[in-house]
Amino acid sequence: MSKIINEGLDYHDMVGQIEPVVSVDEYKAKMGKDSEVVTLSFILNSKSAAQDLVQWLEVGYDWVMDASVSTGEYKPGQWLVFAEMKRRSSVPKRICELLEDLYTLTDRKADQYKIKVDDKEYVADPEILNDVIITSPLLYKEKIKQEKELNEYRTMANLKAVSLYEEDTYIKDLKAIARI
């Protein structure tokens, strides 16, 4: 007789495991072009909780294209979970929906999270997020084009150019291995 193992997440299983900050587009997309994919990142306080969250995201949301755990620790004892979705006008609403659903696991309400966009933090409100998250691939491409032009002026003025992307953990890991 085979033994059936039924593991899953139960009510409040992740209390204290997910930090109350969700970053938007801080890391590069792996499932497509950054202009077409929004990347969310969560900080978790254990690798097993991170793996559970990945499973929960992939099974629970058909609009989550991919979810994964960072290859290494973000900080000692902390792991990143990445979730990717298509860059569409529904993104702000979906982020808030996801955070509302997380209440069953974390006992933290959606309004207790901060949404980090371009190094600024916002409340989890679809109307506010709609104003700060680029939800159109075309607008994203235009923003990058403008930043490239501004960087040219910054360089001419001997000012520091603004990075147009954040290195993801994969690139950071490769650089660490190569010692560069």
C-alpha atoms as a PDB file:
ATOM      1  CA  MET A   1       0.000   0.000   0.000  1.00  0.00           C
ATOM      2  CA  SER A   2       1.465   3.376  -1.026  1.00  0.00           C
ATOM      3  CA  LYS A   3       1.472   6.280   1.317  1.00  0.00           C
ATOM      4  CA  ILE A   4      -0.240   9.459   0.113  1.00  0.00           C
ATOM      5  CA  ILE A   5       1.482  12.639   1.158  1.00  0.00           C
ATOM      6  CA  ASN A   6      -0.821  15.628   1.088  1.00  0.00           C
ATOM      7  CA  GLU A   7       1.180  18.714   1.797  1.00  0.00           C
ATOM      8  CA  GLY A   8      -0.138  22.163   1.163  1.00  0.00           C
ATOM      9  CA  LEU A   9      -0.440  25.524   2.743  1.00  0.00           C
ATOM     10  CA  ASP A  10      -2.964  25.974   5.503  1.00  0.00           C
ATOM     11  CA  TYR A  11      -4.512  29.062   7.024  1.00  0.00           C
ATOM     12  CA  HIS A  12      -1.805  31.382   8.441  1.00  0.00           C
ATOM     13  CA  ASP A  13       1.049  28.990   7.578  1.00  0.00           C
ATOM     14  CA  MET A  14       3.246  31.911   6.495  1.00  0.00           C
ATOM     15  CA  VAL A  15       2.755  34.305   9.401  1.00  0.00           C
ATOM     16  CA  GLY A  16       6.035  36.204   9.804  1.00  0.00           C
ATOM     17  CA  GLN A  17       7.546  34.668   6.676  1.00  0.00           C
ATOM     18  CA  ILE A  18       6.849  37.357   4.046  1.00  0.00           C
ATOM     19  CA  GLU A  19       8.232  40.859   4.500  1.00  0.00           C
ATOM     20  CA  PRO A  20       5.636  43.618   3.949  1.00  0.00           C
ATOM     21  CA  VAL A  21       7.342  45.160   0.897  1.00  0.00           C
ATOM     22  CA  VAL A  22       6.684  44.057  -2.692  1.00  0.00           C
ATOM     23  CA  SER A  23       9.014  45.395  -5.346  1.00  0.00           C
ATOM     24  CA  VAL A  24       7.796  46.066  -8.899  1.00  0.00           C
ATOM     25  CA  ASP A  25      10.181  45.919 -11.871  1.00  0.00           C
ATOM     26  CA  GLU A  26      13.295  46.012  -9.704  1.00  0.00           C
ATOM     27  CA  TYR A  27      14.629  42.907 -11.458  1.00  0.00           C
ATOM     28  CA  LYS A  28      14.789  41.908 -15.092  1.00  0.00           C
ATOM     29  CA  ALA A  29      12.142  39.602 -16.509  1.00  0.00           C
ATOM     30  CA  LYS A  30      13.187  36.097 -17.441  1.00  0.00           C
ATOM     31  CA  MET A  31      10.002  35.132 -19.318  1.00  0.00           C
ATOM     32  CA  GLY A  32      10.279  37.861 -21.937  1.00  0.00           C
ATOM     33  CA  LYS A  33      11.278  41.451 -22.540  1.00  0.00           C
ATOM     34  CA  ASP A  34      11.071  43.888 -19.642  1.00  0.00           C
ATOM     35  CA  SER A  35       8.785  46.030 -21.778  1.00  0.00           C
ATOM     36  CA  GLU A  36       6.285  43.163 -21.941  1.00  0.00           C
ATOM     37  CA  VAL A  37       6.614  41.623 -18.469  1.00  0.00           C
ATOM     38  CA  VAL A  38       6.168  43.065 -14.968  1.00  0.00           C
ATOM     39  CA  THR A  39       8.348  41.429 -12.332  1.00  0.00           C
ATOM     40  CA  LEU A  40       7.275  41.366  -8.692  1.00  0.00           C
ATOM     41  CA  SER A  41       9.676  40.386  -5.937  1.00  0.00           C
ATOM     42  CA  PHE A  42       8.906  39.327  -2.391  1.00  0.00           C
ATOM     43  CA  ILE A  43      11.356  38.842   0.488  1.00  0.00           C
ATOM     44  CA  LEU A  44      10.842  35.645   2.477  1.00  0.00           C
ATOM     45  CA  ASN A  45      12.463  34.585   5.727  1.00  0.00           C
ATOM     46  CA  SER A  46      13.144  30.963   4.787  1.00  0.00           C
ATOM     47  CA  LYS A  47      13.861  28.981   1.654  1.00  0.00           C
ATOM     48  CA  SER A  48      11.045  26.511   2.322  1.00  0.00           C
ATOM     49  CA  ALA A  49       8.538  29.369   2.712  1.00  0.00           C
ATOM     50  CA  ALA A  50       9.860  30.834  -0.549  1.00  0.00           C
ATOM     51  CA  GLN A  51       9.339  27.506  -2.319  1.00  0.00           C
ATOM     52  CA  ASP A  52       5.814  27.271  -0.876  1.00  0.00           C
ATOM     53  CA  LEU A  53       4.993  30.772  -2.107  1.00  0.00           C
ATOM     54  CA  VAL A  54       6.250  29.917  -5.608  1.00  0.00           C
ATOM     55  CA  GLN A  55       3.960  26.886  -5.689  1.00  0.00           C
ATOM     56  CA  TRP A  56       1.033  28.945  -4.373  1.00  0.00           C
ATOM     57  CA  LEU A  57       1.560  31.644  -7.022  1.00  0.00           C
ATOM     58  CA  GLU A  58       1.928  29.225  -9.923  1.00  0.00           C
ATOM     59  CA  VAL A  59      -1.079  27.098  -8.980  1.00  0.00           C
ATOM     60  CA  GLY A  60      -3.342  29.908  -7.787  1.00  0.00           C
ATOM     61  CA  TYR A  61      -3.097  32.480 -10.559  1.00  0.00           C
ATOM     62  CA  ASP A  62      -3.395  31.786 -14.258  1.00  0.00           C
ATOM     63  CA  TRP A  63      -2.032  35.272 -14.971  1.00  0.00           C
ATOM     64  CA  VAL A  64       1.272  34.540 -13.186  1.00  0.00           C
ATOM     65  CA  MET A  65       3.497  33.510 -16.077  1.00  0.00           C
ATOM     66  CA  ASP A  66       6.292  32.240 -13.857  1.00  0.00           C
ATOM     67  CA  ALA A  67       7.395  32.265 -10.239  1.00  0.00           C
ATOM     68  CA  SER A  68      10.802  31.305  -8.886  1.00  0.00           C
ATOM     69  CA  VAL A  69      13.078  31.493  -5.852  1.00  0.00           C
ATOM     70  CA  SER A  70      16.398  33.334  -5.986  1.00  0.00           C
ATOM     71  CA  THR A  71      19.414  31.115  -6.520  1.00  0.00           C
ATOM     72  CA  GLY A  72      21.000  32.347  -3.313  1.00  0.00           C
ATOM     73  CA  GLU A  73      20.144  34.251  -0.198  1.00  0.00           C
ATOM     74  CA  TYR A  74      19.106  37.865  -0.619  1.00  0.00           C
ATOM     75  CA  LYS A  75      20.427  38.616   2.856  1.00  0.00           C
ATOM     76  CA  PRO A  76      21.393  36.096   5.499  1.00  0.00           C
ATOM     77  CA  GLY A  77      18.297  33.961   6.108  1.00  0.00           C
ATOM     78  CA  GLN A  78      16.227  35.721   3.443  1.00  0.00           C
ATOM     79  CA  TRP A  79      15.243  34.627  -0.057  1.00  0.00           C
ATOM     80  CA  LEU A  80      13.616  36.436  -2.947  1.00  0.00           C
ATOM     81  CA  VAL A  81      10.575  35.127  -4.766  1.00  0.00           C
ATOM     82  CA  PHE A  82       9.956  36.488  -8.245  1.00  0.00           C
ATOM     83  CA  ALA A  83       6.577  36.462  -9.966  1.00  0.00           C
ATOM     84  CA  GLU A  84       6.065  37.599 -13.543  1.00  0.00           C
ATOM     85  CA  MET A  85       2.934  38.726 -15.363  1.00  0.00           C
ATOM     86  CA  LYS A  86       2.197  40.397 -18.659  1.00  0.00           C
ATOM     87  CA  ARG A  87       2.482  44.176 -18.645  1.00  0.00           C
ATOM     88  CA  ARG A  88      -1.194  45.144 -18.934  1.00  0.00           C
ATOM     89  CA  SER A  89      -3.586  47.688 -17.445  1.00  0.00           C
ATOM     90  CA  SER A  90      -4.814  44.980 -15.045  1.00  0.00           C
ATOM     91  CA  VAL A  91      -1.444  44.775 -13.214  1.00  0.00           C
ATOM     92  CA  PRO A  92      -2.273  47.190 -10.336  1.00  0.00           C
ATOM     93  CA  LYS A  93      -5.570  45.412  -9.641  1.00  0.00           C
ATOM     94  CA  ARG A  94      -3.887  41.990  -9.772  1.00  0.00           C
ATOM     95  CA  ILE A  95      -1.133  43.012  -7.366  1.00  0.00           C
ATOM     96  CA  CYS A  96      -3.746  44.157  -4.854  1.00  0.00           C
ATOM     97  CA  GLU A  97      -5.799  40.986  -5.397  1.00  0.00           C
ATOM     98  CA  LEU A  98      -2.736  38.856  -4.734  1.00  0.00           C
ATOM     99  CA  LEU A  99      -1.969  40.747  -1.521  1.00  0.00           C
ATOM    100  CA  GLU A 100      -5.569  40.419  -0.352  1.00  0.00           C
ATOM    101  CA  ASP A 101      -5.370  36.670  -0.975  1.00  0.00           C
ATOM    102  CA  LEU A 102      -2.090  36.446   0.955  1.00  0.00           C
ATOM    103  CA  TYR A 103      -4.024  37.434   4.081  1.00  0.00           C
ATOM    104  CA  THR A 104      -5.138  33.811   4.456  1.00  0.00           C
ATOM    105  CA  LEU A 105      -1.487  32.761   4.699  1.00  0.00           C
ATOM    106  CA  THR A 106       0.127  35.719   6.450  1.00  0.00           C
ATOM    107  CA  ASP A 107      -2.573  37.350   8.603  1.00  0.00           C
ATOM    108  CA  ARG A 108      -1.413  40.643   7.044  1.00  0.00           C
ATOM    109  CA  LYS A 109      -3.936  42.822   5.241  1.00  0.00           C
ATOM    110  CA  ALA A 110      -3.164  44.244   1.803  1.00  0.00           C
ATOM    111  CA  ASP A 111      -2.979  47.797   3.144  1.00  0.00           C
ATOM    112  CA  GLN A 112      -0.135  46.728   5.458  1.00  0.00           C
ATOM    113  CA  TYR A 113       2.154  46.103   2.464  1.00  0.00           C
ATOM    114  CA  LYS A 114       4.246  48.757   0.757  1.00  0.00           C
ATOM    115  CA  ILE A 115       4.661  48.539  -2.984  1.00  0.00           C
ATOM    116  CA  LYS A 116       8.110  49.676  -4.076  1.00  0.00           C
ATOM    117  CA  VAL A 117       8.293  51.247  -7.541  1.00  0.00           C
ATOM    118  CA  ASP A 118      11.413  53.131  -8.674  1.00  0.00           C
ATOM    119  CA  ASP A 119      12.767  53.239  -5.092  1.00  0.00           C
ATOM    120  CA  LYS A 120       9.605  54.885  -3.745  1.00  0.00           C
ATOM    121  CA  GLU A 121       7.007  53.125  -1.596  1.00  0.00           C
ATOM    122  CA  TYR A 122       3.258  53.289  -2.140  1.00  0.00           C
ATOM    123  CA  VAL A 123       0.191  51.799  -0.494  1.00  0.00           C
ATOM    124  CA  ALA A 124      -1.462  48.809  -2.141  1.00  0.00           C
ATOM    125  CA  ASP A 125      -4.234  50.697  -3.878  1.00  0.00           C
ATOM    126  CA  PRO A 126      -5.024  49.986  -7.553  1.00  0.00           C
ATOM    127  CA  GLU A 127      -5.648  53.659  -8.360  1.00  0.00           C
ATOM    128  CA  ILE A 128      -2.352  54.789  -6.870  1.00  0.00           C
ATOM    129  CA  LEU A 129      -0.422  51.909  -8.437  1.00  0.00           C
ATOM    130  CA  ASN A 130      -1.982  52.660 -11.805  1.00  0.00           C
ATOM    131  CA  ASP A 131      -0.284  56.078 -11.666  1.00  0.00           C
ATOM    132  CA  VAL A 132       3.189  54.740 -10.807  1.00  0.00           C
ATOM    133  CA  ILE A 133       3.489  51.368 -12.591  1.00  0.00           C
ATOM    134  CA  ILE A 134       4.005  51.394 -16.327  1.00  0.00           C
ATOM    135  CA  THR A 135       1.277  49.063 -17.569  1.00  0.00           C
ATOM    136  CA  SER A 136       1.817  49.458 -21.312  1.00  0.00           C
ATOM    137  CA  PRO A 137       4.706  47.906 -23.276  1.00  0.00           C
ATOM    138  CA  LEU A 138       4.779  50.967 -25.538  1.00  0.00           C
ATOM    139  CA  LEU A 139       4.996  53.402 -22.605  1.00  0.00           C
ATOM    140  CA  TYR A 140       7.748  51.271 -21.055  1.00  0.00           C
ATOM    141  CA  LYS A 141       9.809  51.474 -24.250  1.00  0.00           C
ATOM    142  CA  GLU A 142       9.265  55.243 -24.389  1.00  0.00           C
ATOM    143  CA  LYS A 143      10.434  55.630 -20.771  1.00  0.00           C
ATOM    144  CA  ILE A 144      13.626  53.691 -21.504  1.00  0.00           C
ATOM    145  CA  LYS A 145      14.250  55.804 -24.599  1.00  0.00           C
ATOM    146  CA  GLN A 146      13.826  59.004 -22.550  1.00  0.00           C
ATOM    147  CA  GLU A 147      16.168  57.723 -19.836  1.00  0.00           C
ATOM    148  CA  LYS A 148      18.815  56.873 -22.456  1.00  0.00           C
ATOM    149  CA  GLU A 149      18.591  60.421 -23.818  1.00  0.00           C
ATOM    150  CA  LEU A 150      18.798  61.864 -20.298  1.00  0.00           C
ATOM    151  CA  ASN A 151      21.825  59.665 -19.590  1.00  0.00           C
ATOM    152  CA  GLU A 152      23.589  61.185 -22.596  1.00  0.00           C
ATOM    153  CA  TYR A 153      23.041  64.658 -21.103  1.00  0.00           C
ATOM    154  CA  ARG A 154      24.102  63.441 -17.668  1.00  0.00           C
ATOM    155  CA  THR A 155      27.313  62.059 -19.133  1.00  0.00           C
ATOM    156  CA  MET A 156      28.034  65.348 -20.977  1.00  0.00           C
ATOM    157  CA  ALA A 157      27.467  67.216 -17.693  1.00  0.00           C
ATOM    158  CA  ASN A 158      29.792  64.831 -15.817  1.00  0.00           C
ATOM    159  CA  LEU A 159      26.873  63.521 -13.767  1.00  0.00           C
ATOM    160  CA  LYS A 160      26.279  59.892 -12.904  1.00  0.00           C
ATOM    161  CA  ALA A 161      24.111  58.090 -15.449  1.00  0.00           C
ATOM    162  CA  VAL A 162      21.012  56.331 -14.157  1.00  0.00           C
ATOM    163  CA  SER A 163      21.038  52.548 -14.448  1.00  0.00           C
ATOM    164  CA  LEU A 164      18.297  51.442 -16.794  1.00  0.00           C
ATOM    165  CA  TYR A 165      17.946  48.055 -15.122  1.00  0.00           C
ATOM    166  CA  GLU A 166      18.761  46.331 -11.880  1.00  0.00           C
ATOM    167  CA  GLU A 167      21.018  43.330 -12.136  1.00  0.00           C
ATOM    168  CA  ASP A 168      19.087  40.233 -11.171  1.00  0.00           C
ATOM    169  CA  THR A 169      20.501  37.649  -8.796  1.00  0.00           C
ATOM    170  CA  TYR A 170      21.549  35.381 -11.670  1.00  0.00           C
ATOM    171  CA  ILE A 171      23.808  38.081 -13.114  1.00  0.00           C
ATOM    172  CA  LYS A 172      25.089  38.990  -9.641  1.00  0.00           C
ATOM    173  CA  ASP A 173      25.875  35.310  -8.974  1.00  0.00           C
ATOM    174  CA  LEU A 174      27.757  34.990 -12.274  1.00  0.00           C
ATOM    175  CA  LYS A 175      29.782  38.115 -11.498  1.00  0.00           C
ATOM    176  CA  ALA A 176      30.581  36.765  -8.031  1.00  0.00           C
ATOM    177  CA  ILE A 177      31.801  33.478  -9.520  1.00  0.00           C
ATOM    178  CA  ALA A 178      33.885  35.386 -12.086  1.00  0.00           C
ATOM    179  CA  ARG A 179      35.085  37.739  -9.327  1.00  0.00           C
ATOM    180  CA  ILE A 180      34.172  40.870 -11.243  1.00  0.00           C
END
